[in-house]
PDB file of N, CA and C in Angstrom:
ATOM      1  N   MET A   1      27.112 -38.957 -17.119  1.00  0.00           N
ATOM      2  CA  MET A   1      25.457 -38.573 -17.686  1.00  0.00           C
ATOM      3  C   MET A   1      24.516 -38.456 -16.444  1.00  0.00           C
ATOM      4  N   ASN A   2      24.730 -39.383 -15.696  1.00  0.00           N
ATOM      5  CA  ASN A   2      23.814 -39.145 -14.430  1.00  0.00           C
ATOM      6  C   ASN A   2      24.015 -37.874 -13.438  1.00  0.00           C
ATOM      7  N   ALA A   3      25.492 -37.434 -13.584  1.00  0.00           N
ATOM      8  CA  ALA A   3      26.103 -36.442 -12.922  1.00  0.00           C
ATOM      9  C   ALA A   3      25.121 -35.301 -13.589  1.00  0.00           C
ATOM     10  N   LYS A   4      25.339 -35.054 -14.690  1.00  0.00           N
ATOM     11  CA  LYS A   4      24.528 -33.778 -15.262  1.00  0.00           C
ATOM     12  C   LYS A   4      22.898 -33.643 -15.259  1.00  0.00           C
ATOM     13  N   LEU A   5      22.223 -35.115 -15.086  1.00  0.00           N
ATOM     14  CA  LEU A   5      21.266 -34.939 -14.794  1.00  0.00           C
ATOM     15  C   LEU A   5      20.865 -34.722 -13.430  1.00  0.00           C
ATOM     16  N   LEU A   6      21.609 -35.003 -12.255  1.00  0.00           N
ATOM     17  CA  LEU A   6      21.340 -34.517 -11.155  1.00  0.00           C
ATOM     18  C   LEU A   6      22.012 -33.110 -10.769  1.00  0.00           C
ATOM     19  N   TYR A   7      22.814 -32.559 -11.792  1.00  0.00           N
ATOM     20  CA  TYR A   7      23.120 -31.292 -11.424  1.00  0.00           C
ATOM     21  C   TYR A   7      21.842 -30.428 -12.046  1.00  0.00           C
ATOM     22  N   LYS A   8      21.318 -30.624 -13.177  1.00  0.00           N
ATOM     23  CA  LYS A   8      20.194 -30.025 -13.841  1.00  0.00           C
ATOM     24  C   LYS A   8      18.699 -29.901 -12.783  1.00  0.00           C
ATOM     25  N   SER A   9      18.742 -31.124 -12.259  1.00  0.00           N
ATOM     26  CA  SER A   9      17.725 -31.530 -11.270  1.00  0.00           C
ATOM     27  C   SER A   9      17.869 -30.541 -10.100  1.00  0.00           C
ATOM     28  N   PHE A  10      19.194 -30.341  -9.925  1.00  0.00           N
ATOM     29  CA  PHE A  10      19.506 -29.739  -8.422  1.00  0.00           C
ATOM     30  C   PHE A  10      19.047 -27.992  -8.973  1.00  0.00           C
ATOM     31  N   ALA A  11      19.747 -27.617  -9.922  1.00  0.00           N
ATOM     32  CA  ALA A  11      19.396 -26.263 -10.438  1.00  0.00           C
ATOM     33  C   ALA A  11      18.094 -25.938 -10.498  1.00  0.00           C
ATOM     34  N   LEU A  12      17.409 -26.558 -11.042  1.00  0.00           N
ATOM     35  CA  LEU A  12      15.835 -26.274 -11.522  1.00  0.00           C
ATOM     36  C   LEU A  12      15.178 -26.229 -10.021  1.00  0.00           C
ATOM     37  N   VAL A  13      15.624 -27.052  -8.893  1.00  0.00           N
ATOM     38  CA  VAL A  13      14.702 -27.151  -7.435  1.00  0.00           C
ATOM     39  C   VAL A  13      15.108 -25.511  -6.847  1.00  0.00           C
ATOM     40  N   VAL A  14      16.754 -25.472  -7.201  1.00  0.00           N
ATOM     41  CA  VAL A  14      17.046 -24.029  -6.496  1.00  0.00           C
ATOM     42  C   VAL A  14      16.092 -23.088  -7.091  1.00  0.00           C
ATOM     43  N   MET A  15      16.292 -22.967  -8.453  1.00  0.00           N
ATOM     44  CA  MET A  15      15.653 -22.277  -9.243  1.00  0.00           C
ATOM     45  C   MET A  15      14.156 -21.774  -8.980  1.00  0.00           C
ATOM     46  N   LEU A  16      13.212 -22.946  -8.624  1.00  0.00           N
ATOM     47  CA  LEU A  16      11.925 -22.673  -8.139  1.00  0.00           C
ATOM     48  C   LEU A  16      11.845 -22.298  -6.604  1.00  0.00           C
ATOM     49  N   SER A  17      12.785 -22.717  -6.032  1.00  0.00           N
ATOM     50  CA  SER A  17      12.671 -22.190  -4.302  1.00  0.00           C
ATOM     51  C   SER A  17      12.928 -20.962  -4.545  1.00  0.00           C
ATOM     52  N   LEU A  18      13.846 -20.527  -5.259  1.00  0.00           N
ATOM     53  CA  LEU A  18      14.118 -18.961  -5.228  1.00  0.00           C
ATOM     54  C   LEU A  18      12.868 -18.167  -5.657  1.00  0.00           C
ATOM     55  N   GLN A  19      12.463 -18.903  -6.754  1.00  0.00           N
ATOM     56  CA  GLN A  19      11.331 -17.808  -7.113  1.00  0.00           C
ATOM     57  C   GLN A  19      10.029 -17.606  -6.288  1.00  0.00           C
ATOM     58  N   VAL A  20       9.957 -19.116  -5.603  1.00  0.00           N
ATOM     59  CA  VAL A  20       8.911 -19.098  -4.851  1.00  0.00           C
ATOM     60  C   VAL A  20       9.351 -18.025  -3.504  1.00  0.00           C
ATOM     61  N   ASN A  21      10.261 -17.950  -2.962  1.00  0.00           N
ATOM     62  CA  ASN A  21      10.530 -17.258  -2.021  1.00  0.00           C
ATOM     63  C   ASN A  21      10.867 -15.724  -2.405  1.00  0.00           C
ATOM     64  N   CYS A  22      11.031 -15.583  -3.658  1.00  0.00           N
ATOM     65  CA  CYS A  22      11.321 -14.074  -3.887  1.00  0.00           C
ATOM     66  C   CYS A  22       9.868 -13.123  -4.193  1.00  0.00           C
ATOM     67  N   ALA A  23       9.169 -14.286  -4.198  1.00  0.00           N
ATOM     68  CA  ALA A  23       7.890 -13.896  -4.649  1.00  0.00           C
ATOM     69  C   ALA A  23       7.326 -12.589  -3.902  1.00  0.00           C
ATOM     70  N   PRO A  24       6.566 -11.907  -4.343  1.00  0.00           N
ATOM     71  CA  PRO A  24       5.975 -10.566  -2.961  1.00  0.00           C
ATOM     72  C   PRO A  24       4.870 -10.909  -2.441  1.00  0.00           C
ATOM     73  N   GLY A  25       4.751 -11.269  -1.138  1.00  0.00           N
ATOM     74  CA  GLY A  25       3.727 -11.551  -0.197  1.00  0.00           C
ATOM     75  C   GLY A  25       3.016 -10.540  -0.219  1.00  0.00           C
ATOM     76  N   GLU A  26       2.029 -10.768   0.716  1.00  0.00           N
ATOM     77  CA  GLU A  26       0.886  -9.895   1.203  1.00  0.00           C
ATOM     78  C   GLU A  26       0.990  -9.517   2.463  1.00  0.00           C
ATOM     79  N   GLU A  27       2.480  -8.729   2.962  1.00  0.00           N
ATOM     80  CA  GLU A  27       3.025  -8.305   4.219  1.00  0.00           C
ATOM     81  C   GLU A  27       1.824  -7.312   4.634  1.00  0.00           C
ATOM     82  N   THR A  28       1.245  -7.588   6.123  1.00  0.00           N
ATOM     83  CA  THR A  28       0.258  -6.647   6.871  1.00  0.00           C
ATOM     84  C   THR A  28       1.194  -5.976   7.857  1.00  0.00           C
ATOM     85  N   VAL A  29       0.585  -4.765   8.147  1.00  0.00           N
ATOM     86  CA  VAL A  29       1.025  -3.975   9.171  1.00  0.00           C
ATOM     87  C   VAL A  29       0.285  -4.064  10.216  1.00  0.00           C
ATOM     88  N   ASP A  30       0.850  -3.898  11.509  1.00  0.00           N
ATOM     89  CA  ASP A  30       0.139  -4.252  12.786  1.00  0.00           C
ATOM     90  C   ASP A  30      -0.572  -2.573  12.701  1.00  0.00           C
ATOM     91  N   VAL A  31      -2.121  -3.148  13.423  1.00  0.00           N
ATOM     92  CA  VAL A  31      -3.208  -2.095  13.523  1.00  0.00           C
ATOM     93  C   VAL A  31      -2.602  -0.747  13.934  1.00  0.00           C
ATOM     94  N   ASN A  32      -2.010  -1.002  14.970  1.00  0.00           N
ATOM     95  CA  ASN A  32      -1.366   0.504  16.050  1.00  0.00           C
ATOM     96  C   ASN A  32      -0.436   1.336  14.800  1.00  0.00           C
ATOM     97  N   ASP A  33       0.382   0.628  14.123  1.00  0.00           N
ATOM     98  CA  ASP A  33       1.443   0.965  13.409  1.00  0.00           C
ATOM     99  C   ASP A  33       0.708   1.718  12.222  1.00  0.00           C
ATOM    100  N   ALA A  34      -0.331   0.786  11.536  1.00  0.00           N
ATOM    101  CA  ALA A  34      -0.975   1.568  10.306  1.00  0.00           C
ATOM    102  C   ALA A  34      -1.701   2.853  10.667  1.00  0.00           C
ATOM    103  N   GLN A  35      -2.480   2.472  12.008  1.00  0.00           N
ATOM    104  CA  GLN A  35      -2.974   3.946  12.383  1.00  0.00           C
ATOM    105  C   GLN A  35      -2.065   5.403  12.776  1.00  0.00           C
ATOM    106  N   SER A  36      -1.055   4.894  13.223  1.00  0.00           N
ATOM    107  CA  SER A  36      -0.132   5.834  13.602  1.00  0.00           C
ATOM    108  C   SER A  36       0.463   6.692  12.192  1.00  0.00           C
ATOM    109  N   GLN A  37       0.767   5.760  10.919  1.00  0.00           N
ATOM    110  CA  GLN A  37       1.269   6.005  10.018  1.00  0.00           C
ATOM    111  C   GLN A  37       0.259   6.843   9.187  1.00  0.00           C
ATOM    112  N   VAL A  38      -1.306   6.625   9.285  1.00  0.00           N
ATOM    113  CA  VAL A  38      -2.114   7.344   8.603  1.00  0.00           C
ATOM    114  C   VAL A  38      -2.238   8.545   9.195  1.00  0.00           C
ATOM    115  N   LEU A  39      -2.401   8.822  10.504  1.00  0.00           N
ATOM    116  CA  LEU A  39      -2.637  10.166  11.291  1.00  0.00           C
ATOM    117  C   LEU A  39      -1.222  11.172  11.289  1.00  0.00           C
ATOM    118  N   ALA A  40       0.231  10.420  10.755  1.00  0.00           N
ATOM    119  CA  ALA A  40       0.942  11.222  10.709  1.00  0.00           C
ATOM    120  C   ALA A  40       0.937  11.800   9.586  1.00  0.00           C
ATOM    121  N   ALA A  41       0.548  11.162   8.336  1.00  0.00           N
ATOM    122  CA  ALA A  41       0.230  11.473   6.853  1.00  0.00           C
ATOM    123  C   ALA A  41      -0.701  12.661   6.997  1.00  0.00           C
ATOM    124  N   ALA A  42      -1.786  12.380   7.491  1.00  0.00           N
ATOM    125  CA  ALA A  42      -2.859  13.389   7.810  1.00  0.00           C
ATOM    126  C   ALA A  42      -2.284  14.440   8.353  1.00  0.00           C
ATOM    127  N   LYS A  43      -1.727  14.455   9.490  1.00  0.00           N
ATOM    128  CA  LYS A  43      -0.935  15.674  10.256  1.00  0.00           C
ATOM    129  C   LYS A  43      -0.329  16.349   9.080  1.00  0.00           C
ATOM    130  N   PHE A  44       0.652  15.825   8.389  1.00  0.00           N
ATOM    131  CA  PHE A  44       1.621  16.419   7.472  1.00  0.00           C
ATOM    132  C   PHE A  44       0.844  17.017   6.603  1.00  0.00           C
ATOM    133  N   ALA A  45      -0.230  16.443   5.819  1.00  0.00           N
ATOM    134  CA  ALA A  45      -1.220  17.514   5.039  1.00  0.00           C
ATOM    135  C   ALA A  45      -2.114  18.392   5.638  1.00  0.00           C
ATOM    136  N   ALA A  46      -2.524  18.109   6.942  1.00  0.00           N
ATOM    137  CA  ALA A  46      -3.032  19.421   7.503  1.00  0.00           C
ATOM    138  C   ALA A  46      -2.213  20.545   7.701  1.00  0.00           C
ATOM    139  N   ASP A  47      -0.953  20.181   8.090  1.00  0.00           N
ATOM    140  CA  ASP A  47      -0.198  21.316   8.600  1.00  0.00           C
ATOM    141  C   ASP A  47       0.454  21.944   7.295  1.00  0.00           C
ATOM    142  N   LYS A  48       0.396  21.343   6.186  1.00  0.00           N
ATOM    143  CA  LYS A  48       0.873  21.659   4.831  1.00  0.00           C
ATOM    144  C   LYS A  48      -0.238  22.845   4.512  1.00  0.00           C
ATOM    145  N   CYS A  49      -1.465  22.167   4.560  1.00  0.00           N
ATOM    146  CA  CYS A  49      -2.458  22.999   4.009  1.00  0.00           C
ATOM    147  C   CYS A  49      -3.461  23.960   4.935  1.00  0.00           C
ATOM    148  N   GLY A  50      -2.420  23.959   6.254  1.00  0.00           N
ATOM    149  CA  GLY A  50      -3.271  24.928   7.512  1.00  0.00           C
ATOM    150  C   GLY A  50      -4.680  24.814   7.610  1.00  0.00           C
ATOM    151  N   THR A  51      -5.058  23.560   7.639  1.00  0.00           N
ATOM    152  CA  THR A  51      -6.652  22.838   8.019  1.00  0.00           C
ATOM    153  C   THR A  51      -6.419  21.851   8.892  1.00  0.00           C
ATOM    154  N   PRO A  52      -7.514  21.606   9.742  1.00  0.00           N
ATOM    155  CA  PRO A  52      -7.275  20.619  10.647  1.00  0.00           C
ATOM    156  C   PRO A  52      -7.833  19.271   9.924  1.00  0.00           C
ATOM    157  N   ILE A  53      -7.335  18.004  10.634  1.00  0.00           N
ATOM    158  CA  ILE A  53      -7.527  16.725   9.937  1.00  0.00           C
ATOM    159  C   ILE A  53      -8.883  16.653   9.423  1.00  0.00           C
ATOM    160  N   PRO A  54      -9.466  15.987   8.472  1.00  0.00           N
ATOM    161  CA  PRO A  54     -10.532  15.837   8.287  1.00  0.00           C
ATOM    162  C   PRO A  54     -11.418  14.750   9.325  1.00  0.00           C
ATOM    163  N   GLN A  55     -12.526  15.432   9.584  1.00  0.00           N
ATOM    164  CA  GLN A  55     -13.425  14.398  10.571  1.00  0.00           C
ATOM    165  C   GLN A  55     -14.015  13.529   9.913  1.00  0.00           C
ATOM    166  N   PRO A  56     -14.743  12.499   9.627  1.00  0.00           N
ATOM    167  CA  PRO A  56     -14.146  11.343  11.198  1.00  0.00           C
ATOM    168  C   PRO A  56     -12.641  11.153  10.586  1.00  0.00           C
ATOM    169  N   PRO A  57     -11.778  10.493  11.352  1.00  0.00           N
ATOM    170  CA  PRO A  57     -10.605  10.078  11.009  1.00  0.00           C
ATOM    171  C   PRO A  57     -10.732   8.848  10.244  1.00  0.00           C
ATOM    172  N   LEU A  58      -9.751   8.382   9.478  1.00  0.00           N
ATOM    173  CA  LEU A  58      -9.579   6.757   8.948  1.00  0.00           C
ATOM    174  C   LEU A  58      -9.493   5.913  10.286  1.00  0.00           C
ATOM    175  N   ILE A  59     -10.136   5.140  10.496  1.00  0.00           N
ATOM    176  CA  ILE A  59     -10.114   4.036  11.727  1.00  0.00           C
ATOM    177  C   ILE A  59      -9.390   3.077  10.902  1.00  0.00           C
ATOM    178  N   ILE A  60      -8.288   2.410  11.610  1.00  0.00           N
ATOM    179  CA  ILE A  60      -8.188   1.173  11.044  1.00  0.00           C
ATOM    180  C   ILE A  60      -8.437  -0.021  11.753  1.00  0.00           C
ATOM    181  N   LEU A  61      -9.687  -0.826  11.396  1.00  0.00           N
ATOM    182  CA  LEU A  61     -10.017  -1.854  11.992  1.00  0.00           C
ATOM    183  C   LEU A  61      -8.858  -3.238  12.225  1.00  0.00           C
ATOM    184  N   ASP A  62      -8.634  -3.392  11.075  1.00  0.00           N
ATOM    185  CA  ASP A  62      -8.005  -4.814  10.834  1.00  0.00           C
ATOM    186  C   ASP A  62      -6.093  -4.582  10.592  1.00  0.00           C
ATOM    187  N   SER A  63      -5.312  -5.416  10.385  1.00  0.00           N
ATOM    188  CA  SER A  63      -4.191  -5.071   9.876  1.00  0.00           C
ATOM    189  C   SER A  63      -4.328  -4.997   8.443  1.00  0.00           C
ATOM    190  N   PRO A  64      -3.858  -3.968   7.808  1.00  0.00           N
ATOM    191  CA  PRO A  64      -4.072  -3.763   6.216  1.00  0.00           C
ATOM    192  C   PRO A  64      -2.466  -4.388   5.811  1.00  0.00           C
ATOM    193  N   VAL A  65      -2.948  -4.645   4.561  1.00  0.00           N
ATOM    194  CA  VAL A  65      -1.994  -4.843   3.454  1.00  0.00           C
ATOM    195  C   VAL A  65      -0.850  -3.850   3.472  1.00  0.00           C
ATOM    196  N   LYS A  66       0.359  -3.854   3.412  1.00  0.00           N
ATOM    197  CA  LYS A  66       1.497  -3.062   3.967  1.00  0.00           C
ATOM    198  C   LYS A  66       1.364  -2.234   2.443  1.00  0.00           C
ATOM    199  N   ARG A  67       1.315  -2.352   1.130  1.00  0.00           N
ATOM    200  CA  ARG A  67       1.367  -1.939  -0.323  1.00  0.00           C
ATOM    201  C   ARG A  67      -0.006  -0.782  -0.145  1.00  0.00           C
ATOM    202  N   ASN A  68      -1.027  -1.629   0.220  1.00  0.00           N
ATOM    203  CA  ASN A  68      -2.295  -0.987   0.245  1.00  0.00           C
ATOM    204  C   ASN A  68      -2.217   0.531   1.441  1.00  0.00           C
ATOM    205  N   LEU A  69      -1.711   0.642   2.381  1.00  0.00           N
ATOM    206  CA  LEU A  69      -1.415   1.205   3.369  1.00  0.00           C
ATOM    207  C   LEU A  69      -0.408   2.705   2.619  1.00  0.00           C
ATOM    208  N   ASP A  70       0.501   1.906   2.344  1.00  0.00           N
ATOM    209  CA  ASP A  70       1.602   2.977   1.637  1.00  0.00           C
ATOM    210  C   ASP A  70       1.079   3.762   0.626  1.00  0.00           C
ATOM    211  N   LEU A  71       0.049   2.969  -0.248  1.00  0.00           N
ATOM    212  CA  LEU A  71      -0.355   4.118  -1.274  1.00  0.00           C
ATOM    213  C   LEU A  71      -1.463   5.141  -0.642  1.00  0.00           C
ATOM    214  N   CYS A  72      -2.185   4.680   0.123  1.00  0.00           N
ATOM    215  CA  CYS A  72      -3.023   5.443   0.886  1.00  0.00           C
ATOM    216  C   CYS A  72      -1.910   6.605   1.561  1.00  0.00           C
ATOM    217  N   THR A  73      -1.213   6.769   2.487  1.00  0.00           N
ATOM    218  CA  THR A  73      -0.365   7.425   2.994  1.00  0.00           C
ATOM    219  C   THR A  73       0.426   8.221   1.900  1.00  0.00           C
ATOM    220  N   ILE A  74       0.604   7.835   0.979  1.00  0.00           N
ATOM    221  CA  ILE A  74       1.242   8.793   0.058  1.00  0.00           C
ATOM    222  C   ILE A  74       0.423   9.697  -0.800  1.00  0.00           C
ATOM    223  N   SER A  75      -0.702   9.036  -1.125  1.00  0.00           N
ATOM    224  CA  SER A  75      -1.709   9.939  -1.528  1.00  0.00           C
ATOM    225  C   SER A  75      -2.233  10.924  -0.679  1.00  0.00           C
ATOM    226  N   ILE A  76      -2.342  10.477   0.779  1.00  0.00           N
ATOM    227  CA  ILE A  76      -2.539  11.989   1.822  1.00  0.00           C
ATOM    228  C   ILE A  76      -1.475  12.772   1.783  1.00  0.00           C
ATOM    229  N   THR A  77      -0.254  12.220   1.451  1.00  0.00           N
ATOM    230  CA  THR A  77       0.875  13.414   1.545  1.00  0.00           C
ATOM    231  C   THR A  77       1.090  14.261   0.604  1.00  0.00           C
ATOM    232  N   ARG A  78       0.493  13.795  -0.833  1.00  0.00           N
ATOM    233  CA  ARG A  78       0.288  14.273  -1.875  1.00  0.00           C
ATOM    234  C   ARG A  78      -0.904  15.066  -2.330  1.00  0.00           C
ATOM    235  N   THR A  79      -1.580  15.075  -1.599  1.00  0.00           N
ATOM    236  CA  THR A  79      -3.048  15.551  -1.972  1.00  0.00           C
ATOM    237  C   THR A  79      -2.834  17.010  -2.001  1.00  0.00           C
ATOM    238  N   GLY A  80      -3.765  17.813  -2.570  1.00  0.00           N
ATOM    239  CA  GLY A  80      -3.829  19.332  -2.830  1.00  0.00           C
ATOM    240  C   GLY A  80      -4.461  19.914  -1.772  1.00  0.00           C
ATOM    241  N   CYS A  81      -4.456  20.954  -1.593  1.00  0.00           N
ATOM    242  CA  CYS A  81      -5.112  22.035  -0.272  1.00  0.00           C
ATOM    243  C   CYS A  81      -6.434  22.442  -1.099  1.00  0.00           C
ATOM    244  N   PRO A  82      -7.528  22.445  -0.384  1.00  0.00           N
ATOM    245  CA  PRO A  82      -7.683  22.377   0.989  1.00  0.00           C
ATOM    246  C   PRO A  82      -7.553  20.878   1.399  1.00  0.00           C
ATOM    247  N   PHE A  83      -6.975  20.418   2.686  1.00  0.00           N
ATOM    248  CA  PHE A  83      -7.051  18.764   2.817  1.00  0.00           C
ATOM    249  C   PHE A  83      -8.515  18.734   3.781  1.00  0.00           C
ATOM    250  N   ASN A  84      -9.382  18.705   3.079  1.00  0.00           N
ATOM    251  CA  ASN A  84     -10.947  18.304   3.926  1.00  0.00           C
ATOM    252  C   ASN A  84     -11.555  17.010   3.564  1.00  0.00           C
ATOM    253  N   ALA A  85     -10.916  15.830   3.026  1.00  0.00           N
ATOM    254  CA  ALA A  85     -11.383  14.737   2.825  1.00  0.00           C
ATOM    255  C   ALA A  85     -10.022  13.914   2.277  1.00  0.00           C
ATOM    256  N   TYR A  86     -10.077  12.520   2.738  1.00  0.00           N
ATOM    257  CA  TYR A  86      -8.963  11.669   2.245  1.00  0.00           C
ATOM    258  C   TYR A  86      -9.497  10.970   1.178  1.00  0.00           C
ATOM    259  N   PRO A  87      -7.689  10.712   0.382  1.00  0.00           N
ATOM    260  CA  PRO A  87      -8.190  10.479  -0.937  1.00  0.00           C
ATOM    261  C   PRO A  87      -8.617   9.040  -0.920  1.00  0.00           C
ATOM    262  N   LEU A  88      -9.321   8.994  -2.349  1.00  0.00           N
ATOM    263  CA  LEU A  88      -9.634   7.445  -2.565  1.00  0.00           C
ATOM    264  C   LEU A  88      -8.783   6.544  -2.214  1.00  0.00           C
ATOM    265  N   PRO A  89      -7.512   6.714  -2.972  1.00  0.00           N
ATOM    266  CA  PRO A  89      -6.739   5.296  -2.850  1.00  0.00           C
ATOM    267  C   PRO A  89      -6.765   4.652  -1.190  1.00  0.00           C
ATOM    268  N   CYS A  90      -7.254   5.603  -0.459  1.00  0.00           N
ATOM    269  CA  CYS A  90      -7.485   5.081   1.072  1.00  0.00           C
ATOM    270  C   CYS A  90      -8.294   4.317   1.742  1.00  0.00           C
ATOM    271  N   LEU A  91      -9.549   3.963   0.431  1.00  0.00           N
ATOM    272  CA  LEU A  91     -10.268   2.839   0.649  1.00  0.00           C
ATOM    273  C   LEU A  91      -9.456   1.565   0.553  1.00  0.00           C
ATOM    274  N   LEU A  92      -8.314   1.606  -0.100  1.00  0.00           N
ATOM    275  CA  LEU A  92      -7.342   0.085  -0.223  1.00  0.00           C
ATOM    276  C   LEU A  92      -7.324  -0.415   1.176  1.00  0.00           C
ATOM    277  N   ILE A  93      -7.110   0.611   2.015  1.00  0.00           N
ATOM    278  CA  ILE A  93      -6.489   0.079   3.399  1.00  0.00           C
ATOM    279  C   ILE A  93      -7.687  -0.964   4.055  1.00  0.00           C
ATOM    280  N   TYR A  94      -9.035  -1.160   3.300  1.00  0.00           N
ATOM    281  CA  TYR A  94     -10.217  -1.903   3.945  1.00  0.00           C
ATOM    282  C   TYR A  94     -10.189  -3.111   3.505  1.00  0.00           C
ATOM    283  N   LEU A  95      -9.095  -3.313   2.052  1.00  0.00           N
ATOM    284  CA  LEU A  95      -9.213  -4.478   1.559  1.00  0.00           C
ATOM    285  C   LEU A  95      -8.004  -5.647   2.007  1.00  0.00           C
ATOM    286  N   GLN A  96      -8.263  -6.719   2.018  1.00  0.00           N
ATOM    287  CA  GLN A  96      -7.627  -7.524   2.688  1.00  0.00           C
ATOM    288  C   GLN A  96      -6.553  -8.520   1.703  1.00  0.00           C
ATOM    289  N   LYS A  97      -6.940  -7.809   0.276  1.00  0.00           N
ATOM    290  CA  LYS A  97      -5.631  -8.313  -0.546  1.00  0.00           C
ATOM    291  C   LYS A  97      -5.142  -6.997  -1.225  1.00  0.00           C
ATOM    292  N   ASP A  98      -3.974  -7.615  -2.022  1.00  0.00           N
ATOM    293  CA  ASP A  98      -3.527  -6.467  -2.303  1.00  0.00           C
ATOM    294  C   ASP A  98      -4.199  -6.595  -3.727  1.00  0.00           C
ATOM    295  N   PRO A  99      -4.322  -5.129  -4.764  1.00  0.00           N
ATOM    296  CA  PRO A  99      -5.465  -5.642  -5.708  1.00  0.00           C
ATOM    297  C   PRO A  99      -4.251  -5.491  -7.096  1.00  0.00           C
ATOM    298  N   GLY A 100      -3.042  -5.621  -6.786  1.00  0.00           N
ATOM    299  CA  GLY A 100      -1.896  -6.062  -7.914  1.00  0.00           C
ATOM    300  C   GLY A 100      -1.564  -4.483  -8.393  1.00  0.00           C
ATOM    301  N   ASP A 101      -0.840  -4.572  -9.436  1.00  0.00           N
ATOM    302  CA  ASP A 101      -0.354  -3.245 -10.149  1.00  0.00           C
ATOM    303  C   ASP A 101      -1.565  -2.446 -10.582  1.00  0.00           C
ATOM    304  N   ILE A 102      -0.876  -1.346 -10.532  1.00  0.00           N
ATOM    305  CA  ILE A 102      -2.114  -0.029 -10.811  1.00  0.00           C
ATOM    306  C   ILE A 102      -1.888  -0.252 -12.549  1.00  0.00           C
ATOM    307  N   PRO A 103      -3.187  -0.468 -13.343  1.00  0.00           N
ATOM    308  CA  PRO A 103      -2.877  -0.498 -14.617  1.00  0.00           C
ATOM    309  C   PRO A 103      -2.278   1.023 -15.502  1.00  0.00           C
ATOM    310  N   TRP A 104      -1.663   0.826 -16.531  1.00  0.00           N
ATOM    311  CA  TRP A 104      -0.930   1.785 -16.939  1.00  0.00           C
ATOM    312  C   TRP A 104      -1.890   2.648 -17.586  1.00  0.00           C
ATOM    313  N   TYR A 105      -3.235   2.634 -17.951  1.00  0.00           N
ATOM    314  CA  TYR A 105      -4.156   3.839 -18.268  1.00  0.00           C
ATOM    315  C   TYR A 105      -4.533   4.322 -17.267  1.00  0.00           C
ATOM    316  N   ILE A 106      -4.118   3.793 -15.976  1.00  0.00           N
ATOM    317  CA  ILE A 106      -5.084   4.820 -14.686  1.00  0.00           C
ATOM    318  C   ILE A 106      -3.667   5.715 -14.066  1.00  0.00           C
ATOM    319  N   ASN A 107      -4.114   6.845 -14.151  1.00  0.00           N
ATOM    320  CA  ASN A 107      -3.152   7.828 -13.653  1.00  0.00           C
ATOM    321  C   ASN A 107      -3.416   8.223 -12.297  1.00  0.00           C
ATOM    322  N   PHE A 108      -2.260   7.398 -11.588  1.00  0.00           N
ATOM    323  CA  PHE A 108      -2.157   7.416  -9.928  1.00  0.00           C
ATOM    324  C   PHE A 108      -2.327   8.988  -9.269  1.00  0.00           C
ATOM    325  N   ASN A 109      -1.687   9.975  -9.841  1.00  0.00           N
ATOM    326  CA  ASN A 109      -1.714  10.915  -9.508  1.00  0.00           C
ATOM    327  C   ASN A 109      -3.202  11.663  -9.687  1.00  0.00           C
ATOM    328  N   GLU A 110      -3.962  11.661 -10.540  1.00  0.00           N
ATOM    329  CA  GLU A 110      -5.252  12.186 -11.022  1.00  0.00           C
ATOM    330  C   GLU A 110      -6.286  11.320 -10.003  1.00  0.00           C
ATOM    331  N   LEU A 111      -5.451   9.706  -9.819  1.00  0.00           N
ATOM    332  CA  LEU A 111      -6.646   9.154  -9.014  1.00  0.00           C
ATOM    333  C   LEU A 111      -6.421   9.692  -7.353  1.00  0.00           C
ATOM    334  N   SER A 112      -5.576   9.676  -6.985  1.00  0.00           N
ATOM    335  CA  SER A 112      -5.573  10.242  -5.425  1.00  0.00           C
ATOM    336  C   SER A 112      -5.827  11.736  -5.148  1.00  0.00           C
ATOM    337  N   LYS A 113      -6.280  12.578  -6.163  1.00  0.00           N
ATOM    338  CA  LYS A 113      -6.870  13.766  -6.061  1.00  0.00           C
ATOM    339  C   LYS A 113      -8.336  13.503  -6.293  1.00  0.00           C
ATOM    340  N   GLN A 114      -8.948  12.559  -6.139  1.00  0.00           N
ATOM    341  CA  GLN A 114     -10.173  12.409  -6.061  1.00  0.00           C
ATOM    342  C   GLN A 114     -10.378  11.858  -4.379  1.00  0.00           C
ATOM    343  N   LYS A 115     -11.538  12.518  -3.542  1.00  0.00           N
ATOM    344  CA  LYS A 115     -11.554  12.550  -2.216  1.00  0.00           C
ATOM    345  C   LYS A 115     -12.916  11.696  -1.982  1.00  0.00           C
ATOM    346  N   ILE A 116     -12.722  11.152  -0.949  1.00  0.00           N
ATOM    347  CA  ILE A 116     -14.000  10.418  -0.283  1.00  0.00           C
ATOM    348  C   ILE A 116     -14.804  11.460   0.678  1.00  0.00           C
ATOM    349  N   ASN A 117     -15.861  11.579   0.264  1.00  0.00           N
ATOM    350  CA  ASN A 117     -16.919  12.582   1.026  1.00  0.00           C
ATOM    351  C   ASN A 117     -17.832  11.920   1.820  1.00  0.00           C
TER     352      ASN A 117
END
């Protein structure tokens, strides 16, 4: 009986530790790497549209959350022409927290078409 209790307790501890270790964290990206990623995405969109990179450029001031940076760069590369402003999801790079999952009722494709002027 004690062996079963010990086994169940051990299994519970392992499951809880795996759940804690597998939970998504708020991984950040170095400022220089983030700036390079945004500029590369902007250059791609500018070349695709035949326009210059919008001015002023997005300046990364602090290490952004990786997911927020990814949403920004995906939005830039998927933006329509003319590429004259950065997409709205790029505001996320200035948040220090991951806003979580995008609700089902928000169309990310339409949201990324909205631009910051």
